[in-house]
């Protein structure tokens, strides 16, 4: 534990001396990783899978606030979704507008959780999310994390049903929207994850000033319980 605290102080000192270089580099790496993960999982628009496009967008994100980077990532995802289903793209865009409006209630920097949450889900380490949010943010971080969970399940639905969605042109538009809302926004697994992450964030917040080890343990337990709930 003492070693971790020493390492933390060393990182803070390094960041203080080289922040002008480290901040843009972190933004570039984060944006590049997010765009790459989206291309690997919902890469339905071939033009966006070009490495030069990914690198170029990541370079632009170097000078943008995290909130704007989230919007760029959202537009990137919407372009891929629209290549499969315009209806889901419209619903997702409407949801993201609500998220943008809610953004003004977030603590500064919390918007990064909007893009980290789906990314960590696709990397199969979602239990890290309540730990990160609980240790670095306040209780209000439940909002961007919950929105990030919803975004992940929208992307997952598109990924798993791309063939059906592409071939559903003859389906009545009202019925199509009804099916999408039922399958995505009424997903019980999604609700379980949101609840589990909210509890996990609260638990880490309560004990973060007591022991880092306990916070890590609780976050893993909450994530594991959530995963088991989804399976069963």
Protein backbone atom coordinates (compact mmCIF):
# COMPACT_ATOMS: atom_id res chain seq x y z
CA UNK A 1 0.00 0.00 0.00
CA UNK A 2 2.82 2.39 0.90
CA UNK A 3 4.47 1.64 -2.43
CA UNK A 4 1.26 2.59 -4.28
CA UNK A 5 1.06 5.90 -2.44
CA UNK A 6 4.69 6.68 -3.29
CA UNK A 7 4.05 5.80 -6.95
CA UNK A 8 0.96 8.04 -6.93
CA UNK A 9 2.97 10.98 -5.63
CA UNK A 10 5.67 10.37 -8.23
CA UNK A 11 3.03 10.37 -10.98
CA UNK A 12 1.55 13.63 -9.67
CA UNK A 13 4.99 15.22 -9.61
CA UNK A 14 5.77 14.03 -13.15
CA UNK A 15 2.38 15.24 -14.38
CA UNK A 16 2.96 18.63 -12.77
CA UNK A 17 6.27 19.07 -14.58
CA UNK A 18 5.24 17.72 -17.99
CA UNK A 19 1.47 18.34 -18.05
CA UNK A 20 1.61 20.34 -21.30
CA UNK A 21 2.89 17.23 -23.10
CA UNK A 22 1.17 14.51 -21.09
CA UNK A 23 -2.39 15.88 -21.38
CA UNK A 24 -2.54 15.92 -25.22
CA UNK A 25 -0.79 12.53 -25.33
CA UNK A 26 -3.36 10.99 -22.97
CA UNK A 27 -6.21 12.43 -25.07
CA UNK A 28 -4.65 11.06 -28.26
CA UNK A 29 -4.18 7.56 -26.81
CA UNK A 30 -7.69 7.56 -25.33
CA UNK A 31 -9.33 8.71 -28.56
CA UNK A 32 -7.28 6.32 -30.69
CA UNK A 33 -8.18 3.39 -28.41
CA UNK A 34 -11.90 4.27 -28.43
CA UNK A 35 -12.07 4.68 -32.22
CA UNK A 36 -10.19 1.41 -32.70
CA UNK A 37 -12.49 -0.47 -30.32
CA UNK A 38 -15.55 0.91 -32.12
CA UNK A 39 -14.12 -0.11 -35.50
CA UNK A 40 -13.41 -3.62 -34.25
CA UNK A 41 -16.88 -4.13 -32.79
CA UNK A 42 -19.28 -2.11 -34.97
CA UNK A 43 -17.10 -1.26 -37.94
CA UNK A 44 -19.86 -1.21 -40.56
CA UNK A 45 -18.68 1.93 -42.40
CA UNK A 46 -15.52 1.00 -44.25
CA UNK A 47 -14.32 4.60 -44.67
CA UNK A 48 -14.02 5.09 -40.91
CA UNK A 49 -11.88 1.97 -40.52
CA UNK A 50 -9.05 3.60 -42.44
CA UNK A 51 -6.07 3.94 -40.03
CA UNK A 52 -5.39 7.44 -41.37
CA UNK A 53 -8.91 8.53 -40.47
CA UNK A 54 -8.56 7.09 -36.97
CA UNK A 55 -5.15 8.73 -36.48
CA UNK A 56 -6.39 12.05 -37.86
CA UNK A 57 -9.43 12.17 -35.60
CA UNK A 58 -7.29 11.18 -32.63
CA UNK A 59 -4.87 14.01 -33.42
CA UNK A 60 -7.75 16.50 -33.52
CA UNK A 61 -8.97 15.20 -30.15
CA UNK A 62 -5.58 16.11 -28.62
CA UNK A 63 -6.65 19.74 -28.33
CA UNK A 64 -10.30 19.18 -27.41
CA UNK A 65 -11.93 18.99 -23.97
CA UNK A 66 -13.07 15.55 -22.85
CA UNK A 67 -16.70 16.55 -23.31
CA UNK A 68 -16.10 17.36 -26.98
CA UNK A 69 -14.09 14.15 -27.43
CA UNK A 70 -17.15 12.28 -26.17
CA UNK A 71 -19.28 14.00 -28.82
CA UNK A 72 -16.75 13.11 -31.55
CA UNK A 73 -16.80 9.47 -30.41
CA UNK A 74 -20.62 9.57 -30.38
CA UNK A 75 -20.71 10.90 -33.96
CA UNK A 76 -18.19 8.21 -34.97
CA UNK A 77 -20.42 5.49 -33.47
CA UNK A 78 -23.59 6.98 -35.03
CA UNK A 79 -22.00 6.86 -38.47
CA UNK A 80 -21.33 3.13 -38.04
CA UNK A 81 -24.85 2.52 -36.66
CA UNK A 82 -26.45 4.45 -39.53
CA UNK A 83 -24.72 2.11 -42.00
CA UNK A 84 -26.81 -0.71 -40.49
CA UNK A 85 -30.05 0.93 -39.37
CA UNK A 86 -31.12 4.55 -39.70
CA UNK A 87 -33.86 3.95 -37.12
CA UNK A 88 -31.42 2.88 -34.40
CA UNK A 89 -29.15 5.78 -35.35
CA UNK A 90 -32.07 8.21 -34.85
CA UNK A 91 -33.01 6.71 -31.47
CA UNK A 92 -29.38 6.68 -30.36
CA UNK A 93 -28.94 10.30 -31.45
CA UNK A 94 -32.07 11.28 -29.46
CA UNK A 95 -30.66 9.53 -26.40
CA UNK A 96 -27.30 11.26 -26.84
CA UNK A 97 -29.03 14.66 -27.03
CA UNK A 98 -30.49 13.93 -23.59
CA UNK A 99 -27.01 12.91 -22.41
CA UNK A 100 -25.54 16.18 -23.71
CA UNK A 101 -28.19 18.15 -21.83
CA UNK A 102 -27.45 16.17 -18.67
CA UNK A 103 -23.73 16.78 -19.18
CA UNK A 104 -24.03 20.23 -17.69
CA UNK A 105 -24.87 18.59 -14.38
CA UNK A 106 -21.69 16.47 -14.39
CA UNK A 107 -18.59 17.35 -12.43
CA UNK A 108 -15.73 18.60 -14.65
CA UNK A 109 -14.02 15.66 -16.33
CA UNK A 110 -16.82 13.15 -15.72
CA UNK A 111 -17.73 13.13 -19.41
CA UNK A 112 -14.76 10.83 -20.01
CA UNK A 113 -16.81 8.08 -18.35
CA UNK A 114 -19.26 8.22 -21.27
CA UNK A 115 -16.64 6.82 -23.62
CA UNK A 116 -14.64 4.76 -21.14
CA UNK A 117 -17.67 2.72 -20.02
CA UNK A 118 -18.55 1.17 -23.43
CA UNK A 119 -14.84 0.75 -24.23
CA UNK A 120 -14.13 -1.19 -21.02
CA UNK A 121 -17.21 -3.32 -21.63
CA UNK A 122 -15.91 -4.32 -25.05
CA UNK A 123 -12.53 -5.09 -23.45
CA UNK A 124 -14.33 -7.43 -21.01
CA UNK A 125 -13.23 -5.52 -17.90
CA UNK A 126 -16.42 -3.61 -16.96
CA UNK A 127 -15.84 -4.15 -13.22
CA UNK A 128 -13.09 -1.52 -13.42
CA UNK A 129 -15.68 1.20 -14.10
CA UNK A 130 -17.17 1.57 -10.59
CA UNK A 131 -13.64 1.52 -9.16
CA UNK A 132 -12.44 4.32 -11.44
CA UNK A 133 -15.58 6.39 -10.96
CA UNK A 134 -15.65 5.90 -7.20
CA UNK A 135 -11.99 6.75 -6.69
CA UNK A 136 -11.73 9.71 -9.07
CA UNK A 137 -15.22 11.26 -9.17
CA UNK A 138 -18.21 11.97 -6.96
CA UNK A 139 -21.63 10.36 -6.65
CA UNK A 140 -22.81 12.35 -9.66
CA UNK A 141 -20.61 10.07 -11.79
CA UNK A 142 -23.45 7.53 -11.61
CA UNK A 143 -25.15 9.57 -14.37
CA UNK A 144 -22.42 9.38 -17.06
CA UNK A 145 -21.64 5.76 -16.13
CA UNK A 146 -25.30 4.78 -16.47
CA UNK A 147 -25.50 6.57 -19.82
CA UNK A 148 -22.33 4.77 -20.90
CA UNK A 149 -23.89 1.41 -20.00
CA UNK A 150 -26.94 2.23 -22.14
CA UNK A 151 -24.68 3.22 -25.04
CA UNK A 152 -22.79 -0.07 -24.72
CA UNK A 153 -25.98 -2.13 -24.92
CA UNK A 154 -27.15 -0.16 -27.95
CA UNK A 155 -23.84 -0.89 -29.68
CA UNK A 156 -24.02 -4.53 -28.60
CA UNK A 157 -27.54 -4.85 -30.02
CA UNK A 158 -26.38 -3.43 -33.35
CA UNK A 159 -23.35 -5.73 -33.38
CA UNK A 160 -25.37 -8.89 -32.66
CA UNK A 161 -28.28 -8.09 -34.97
CA UNK A 162 -26.60 -6.34 -37.90
CA UNK A 163 -27.75 -8.94 -40.43
CA UNK A 164 -31.38 -8.82 -39.29
CA UNK A 165 -31.43 -5.02 -39.10
CA UNK A 166 -29.95 -4.63 -42.57
CA UNK A 167 -32.53 -7.00 -44.08
CA UNK A 168 -35.54 -5.49 -42.29
CA UNK A 169 -36.33 -2.82 -44.87
CA UNK A 170 -39.81 -4.24 -45.53
CA UNK A 171 -40.87 -4.09 -41.87
CA UNK A 172 -43.33 -1.34 -40.91
CA UNK A 173 -41.48 1.68 -39.52
CA UNK A 174 -43.67 1.85 -36.39
CA UNK A 175 -43.13 -1.82 -35.66
CA UNK A 176 -39.41 -1.45 -36.24
CA UNK A 177 -39.10 1.37 -33.70
CA UNK A 178 -41.23 -0.60 -31.25
CA UNK A 179 -38.96 -3.65 -31.55
CA UNK A 180 -35.82 -1.58 -31.13
CA UNK A 181 -37.12 0.18 -27.99
CA UNK A 182 -38.28 -3.13 -26.53
CA UNK A 183 -35.02 -4.96 -27.22
CA UNK A 184 -32.65 -2.18 -26.18
CA UNK A 185 -34.23 0.13 -23.65
CA UNK A 186 -36.16 -2.62 -21.82
CA UNK A 187 -33.11 -4.88 -21.50
CA UNK A 188 -33.09 -6.39 -17.99
CA UNK A 189 -29.36 -7.13 -18.17
CA UNK A 190 -28.72 -3.45 -18.83
CA UNK A 191 -30.84 -2.44 -15.82
CA UNK A 192 -28.93 -4.90 -13.61
CA UNK A 193 -25.61 -3.45 -14.75
CA UNK A 194 -26.73 0.12 -14.09
CA UNK A 195 -27.91 -0.81 -10.59
CA UNK A 196 -24.77 -2.82 -9.85
CA UNK A 197 -22.48 -0.01 -11.00
CA UNK A 198 -24.42 2.56 -8.97
CA UNK A 199 -24.03 0.39 -5.85
CA UNK A 200 -20.37 -0.23 -6.68
CA UNK A 201 -19.61 3.48 -7.09
CA UNK A 202 -21.36 4.27 -3.82
CA UNK A 203 -19.44 1.51 -2.01
CA UNK A 204 -16.07 2.70 -3.32
CA UNK A 205 -16.92 6.30 -2.42
CA UNK A 206 -17.70 5.26 1.15
CA UNK A 207 -14.42 3.45 1.71
CA UNK A 208 -11.99 5.19 -0.64
CA UNK A 209 -10.44 7.12 2.25
CA UNK A 210 -10.05 3.91 4.25
CA UNK A 211 -8.33 1.34 2.07
CA UNK A 212 -7.55 1.08 -1.63
CA UNK A 213 -7.51 -2.71 -1.37
CA UNK A 214 -11.08 -2.81 -0.03
CA UNK A 215 -12.28 -0.54 -2.82
CA UNK A 216 -10.74 -2.82 -5.45
CA UNK A 217 -12.27 -5.90 -3.83
CA UNK A 218 -15.76 -4.42 -3.64
CA UNK A 219 -15.65 -3.23 -7.24
CA UNK A 220 -14.68 -6.71 -8.43
CA UNK A 221 -17.39 -8.35 -6.31
CA UNK A 222 -20.06 -5.98 -7.62
CA UNK A 223 -18.96 -6.53 -11.21
CA UNK A 224 -18.92 -10.31 -10.75
CA UNK A 225 -22.40 -10.31 -9.21
CA UNK A 226 -23.67 -8.23 -12.11
CA UNK A 227 -22.15 -10.61 -14.64
CA UNK A 228 -23.68 -13.63 -12.89
CA UNK A 229 -27.06 -11.90 -12.79
CA UNK A 230 -26.87 -11.38 -16.55
CA UNK A 231 -25.95 -15.02 -17.15
CA UNK A 232 -28.72 -16.43 -14.99
